[in-house]
Amino acid sequence: MATRHGISWAILWLLVTLPAHALDVSVVALTNGKAIITVNGGRPKTLSVGDVGPEGVKLITATSESAVLEIEGKRRTVGMGQGITTNFENTGRSKVVLNADGAGHYLTSGSINGGQVQFLVDTGATMVSLGTSDARRLGIEYLKGQRGTSSTANGVAVVYHVKLDSVRVGSITLRNVDGVVHENSDMPFALLGMSFLGRLDLRHEGQTLTMMQRF
């Protein structure tokens, strides 16, 4: 039987039971209690805590470092300059979308062994790399690791090879990740190297880097 608009009930049933489309949500600025987000590449929208933005994205909490967003009924923590694509019904694979800064670098917040760090994505780095101050703060006993050397712009540096229990960026968490700690070095960022990136599917599109976790 047709509706008054000429659409069969069967077609209506199909339309309402189709899975929700994916949303690309990015955080472009943060302050305490507020976040500026973009959804599906649209115009930036400023949200205060409790506000609902495009496509029903709701801001739950916000600090200068990260925001908790409610997206399609799920709460996700997203850092400055970080994005997330939701397509849970179709793939079930965790995905993170990062936007390049003005210098073309991909910066994002994340964690190592449960402790918060700031990452610089570096496909030229063999392993996840960090300085001794971050290593101590995170409780990494790097002096028990394998000692070696590495050539840097400032010459040859002493490094310690370690095994990181977990490395997280957005919704992606990998365990048992190879890392390296640079002795006597206070690096401004931890380098998110290929020991993490090499276990993901990566896609560059303009100023956007999409990372998808493999099964």
Protein backbone atom coordinates (compact mmCIF):
# COMPACT_ATOMS: atom_id res chain seq x y z
CA MET A 1 0.00 0.00 0.00
CA ALA A 2 1.32 3.48 -0.85
CA THR A 3 1.34 6.53 1.38
CA ARG A 4 -0.36 9.72 0.31
CA HIS A 5 3.02 10.91 -1.03
CA GLY A 6 3.40 7.86 -3.21
CA ILE A 7 6.16 6.18 -1.18
CA SER A 8 5.54 2.55 -0.33
CA TRP A 9 5.67 1.40 3.27
CA ALA A 10 8.48 -0.96 2.32
CA ILE A 11 10.65 1.93 1.13
CA LEU A 12 9.83 3.95 4.24
CA TRP A 13 10.88 0.99 6.43
CA LEU A 14 14.17 0.73 4.50
CA LEU A 15 14.90 4.43 4.97
CA VAL A 16 14.37 4.44 8.71
CA THR A 17 16.39 1.27 9.27
CA LEU A 18 19.47 2.30 7.30
CA PRO A 19 22.54 2.77 9.56
CA ALA A 20 23.51 6.31 10.53
CA HIS A 21 26.01 8.03 8.27
CA ALA A 22 29.53 8.68 9.47
CA LEU A 23 30.37 12.00 11.10
CA ASP A 24 33.75 13.69 10.85
CA VAL A 25 34.16 15.85 13.96
CA SER A 26 37.27 17.95 14.59
CA VAL A 27 38.25 20.20 17.51
CA VAL A 28 39.97 23.35 16.24
CA ALA A 29 40.17 25.39 19.47
CA LEU A 30 39.70 24.84 23.21
CA THR A 31 39.33 26.86 26.38
CA ASN A 32 37.92 25.95 29.78
CA GLY A 33 34.23 25.34 29.24
CA LYS A 34 34.22 25.99 25.50
CA ALA A 35 35.25 24.29 22.27
CA ILE A 36 35.22 25.23 18.62
CA ILE A 37 34.39 22.25 16.43
CA THR A 38 33.76 21.46 12.79
CA VAL A 39 31.44 18.69 11.61
CA ASN A 40 31.80 17.11 8.18
CA GLY A 41 34.04 19.95 7.04
CA GLY A 42 31.44 22.64 7.78
CA ARG A 43 31.94 26.07 9.29
CA PRO A 44 33.48 26.19 12.79
CA LYS A 45 30.91 26.26 15.58
CA THR A 46 31.58 27.51 19.11
CA LEU A 47 30.00 25.37 21.82
CA SER A 48 29.77 25.97 25.56
CA VAL A 49 29.40 23.02 27.92
CA GLY A 50 25.91 21.57 27.43
CA ASP A 51 25.43 23.06 23.97
CA VAL A 52 24.36 20.87 21.06
CA GLY A 53 25.97 21.65 17.71
CA PRO A 54 25.63 20.40 14.13
CA GLU A 55 24.46 16.79 13.69
CA GLY A 56 23.58 16.62 17.38
CA VAL A 57 27.18 16.77 18.64
CA LYS A 58 27.05 17.81 22.31
CA LEU A 59 29.86 19.31 24.38
CA ILE A 60 30.03 17.55 27.76
CA THR A 61 33.22 19.06 29.22
CA ALA A 62 36.13 21.12 27.92
CA THR A 63 39.55 22.18 29.15
CA SER A 64 42.44 23.87 27.37
CA GLU A 65 43.75 20.41 26.42
CA SER A 66 40.78 18.22 25.50
CA ALA A 67 37.01 18.04 25.16
CA VAL A 68 34.50 15.31 25.87
CA LEU A 69 31.93 15.19 23.08
CA GLU A 70 28.77 13.14 22.88
CA ILE A 71 28.49 11.89 19.32
CA GLU A 72 25.65 9.60 18.27
CA GLY A 73 25.08 8.68 21.91
CA LYS A 74 28.74 7.82 22.60
CA ARG A 75 31.13 9.98 24.63
CA ARG A 76 34.56 10.52 23.11
CA THR A 77 37.58 12.47 24.39
CA VAL A 78 39.13 14.60 21.64
CA GLY A 79 42.26 16.73 21.98
CA MET A 80 43.23 20.06 20.43
CA GLY A 81 43.62 19.74 16.65
CA GLN A 82 42.33 16.18 16.79
CA GLY A 83 39.33 14.72 15.06
CA ILE A 84 37.30 11.55 15.08
CA THR A 85 35.18 9.83 12.47
CA THR A 86 32.27 7.73 13.62
CA ASN A 87 31.04 4.84 11.56
CA PHE A 88 30.61 2.28 14.30
CA GLU A 89 27.70 0.45 12.64
CA ASN A 90 29.58 -0.21 9.40
CA THR A 91 33.13 -1.03 10.43
CA GLY A 92 33.58 -1.13 14.19
CA ARG A 93 37.15 0.08 13.62
CA SER A 94 38.48 2.95 15.71
CA LYS A 95 39.42 5.96 13.60
CA VAL A 96 41.07 9.29 14.42
CA VAL A 97 41.27 12.29 12.09
CA LEU A 98 44.00 14.90 12.66
CA ASN A 99 44.24 18.34 11.06
CA ALA A 100 47.62 19.87 10.23
CA ASP A 101 48.66 23.11 11.92
CA GLY A 102 49.92 26.16 10.04
CA ALA A 103 53.36 24.58 9.64
CA GLY A 104 51.92 21.34 8.26
CA HIS A 105 52.57 19.37 11.47
CA TYR A 106 50.11 16.98 13.08
CA LEU A 107 49.93 17.59 16.84
CA THR A 108 47.61 15.75 19.18
CA SER A 109 47.17 14.88 22.82
CA GLY A 110 47.29 11.25 23.89
CA SER A 111 48.75 9.02 26.53
CA ILE A 112 51.63 6.62 27.22
CA ASN A 113 51.07 4.01 29.93
CA GLY A 114 48.00 5.98 30.99
CA GLY A 115 49.83 9.32 31.46
CA GLN A 116 48.97 12.29 29.27
CA VAL A 117 51.47 13.49 26.66
CA GLN A 118 51.52 15.77 23.62
CA PHE A 119 52.44 13.96 20.41
CA LEU A 120 53.99 15.17 17.18
CA VAL A 121 53.26 12.71 14.37
CA ASP A 122 56.60 11.80 12.78
CA THR A 123 56.61 9.14 10.07
CA GLY A 124 60.40 9.56 9.89
CA ALA A 125 60.83 8.32 13.45
CA THR A 126 61.32 4.56 13.76
CA MET A 127 59.79 4.39 17.23
CA VAL A 128 57.70 6.39 19.67
CA SER A 129 60.31 8.72 21.18
CA LEU A 130 60.33 10.85 24.31
CA GLY A 131 62.71 12.76 26.56
CA THR A 132 63.87 11.79 30.02
CA SER A 133 61.60 14.26 31.83
CA ASP A 134 58.48 12.75 30.24
CA ALA A 135 59.83 9.23 30.86
CA ARG A 136 60.32 9.95 34.57
CA ARG A 137 56.90 11.60 34.87
CA LEU A 138 55.30 8.55 33.26
CA GLY A 139 57.17 6.13 35.51
CA ILE A 140 59.12 4.51 32.68
CA GLU A 141 62.25 2.83 34.06
CA TYR A 142 64.26 3.54 30.94
CA LEU A 143 67.65 2.87 32.56
CA LYS A 144 66.65 -0.80 32.60
CA GLY A 145 66.21 -0.67 28.83
CA GLN A 146 68.77 -1.50 26.15
CA ARG A 147 71.31 1.32 25.87
CA GLY A 148 72.29 2.58 22.43
CA THR A 149 73.06 5.70 20.40
CA SER A 150 71.18 7.74 17.85
CA SER A 151 72.33 10.39 15.37
CA THR A 152 70.53 13.71 15.83
CA ALA A 153 70.89 17.25 14.53
CA ASN A 154 72.99 17.99 17.62
CA GLY A 155 75.25 14.96 17.19
CA VAL A 156 75.19 11.47 18.64
CA ALA A 157 72.83 11.01 21.59
CA VAL A 158 72.52 8.20 24.12
CA VAL A 159 69.13 6.48 23.99
CA TYR A 160 67.42 3.62 25.81
CA HIS A 161 65.12 1.20 24.01
CA VAL A 162 62.02 0.41 26.06
CA LYS A 163 58.71 -1.40 25.71
CA LEU A 164 55.65 0.79 26.32
CA ASP A 165 52.66 -0.94 27.88
CA SER A 166 50.15 1.22 26.00
CA VAL A 167 50.04 4.18 23.62
CA ARG A 168 46.73 5.94 23.00
CA VAL A 169 45.58 8.60 20.56
CA GLY A 170 41.86 9.35 20.60
CA SER A 171 39.93 6.08 20.43
CA ILE A 172 42.98 4.10 19.24
CA THR A 173 44.98 2.21 21.86
CA LEU A 174 47.90 -0.07 21.01
CA ARG A 175 49.76 -2.21 23.52
CA ASN A 176 53.33 -3.45 23.75
CA VAL A 177 54.73 -0.63 21.61
CA ASP A 178 58.48 -0.18 21.01
CA GLY A 179 59.79 3.13 22.30
CA VAL A 180 63.01 5.02 22.81
CA VAL A 181 63.99 7.49 25.54
CA HIS A 182 66.59 10.15 24.70
CA GLU A 183 68.96 10.62 27.64
CA ASN A 184 69.49 14.18 28.94
CA SER A 185 66.86 15.49 26.56
CA ASP A 186 63.72 17.50 27.34
CA MET A 187 61.79 17.15 24.10
CA PRO A 188 58.84 19.57 23.67
CA PHE A 189 56.74 16.73 22.24
CA ALA A 190 56.81 12.97 22.23
CA LEU A 191 57.32 11.73 18.68
CA LEU A 192 54.59 9.40 17.46
CA GLY A 193 56.78 7.18 15.31
CA MET A 194 56.32 4.12 13.13
CA SER A 195 56.26 1.58 15.98
CA PHE A 196 52.74 3.02 16.52
CA LEU A 197 51.84 4.38 13.08
CA GLY A 198 53.03 1.27 11.26
CA ARG A 199 50.32 -0.77 12.97
CA LEU A 200 47.56 1.47 11.59
CA ASP A 201 46.05 2.23 8.20
CA LEU A 202 46.99 5.83 7.31
CA ARG A 203 45.47 8.12 4.70
CA HIS A 204 46.57 11.68 3.81
CA GLU A 205 44.03 13.99 2.18
CA GLY A 206 45.22 17.59 1.86
CA GLN A 207 45.80 18.86 5.39
CA THR A 208 44.08 15.89 7.02
CA LEU A 209 45.58 12.64 8.31
CA THR A 210 43.21 9.75 8.99
CA MET A 211 44.42 6.89 11.20
CA MET A 212 42.39 3.67 11.39
CA GLN A 213 43.08 0.81 13.75
CA ARG A 214 43.51 -2.63 12.22
CA PHE A 215 41.98 -5.77 13.68
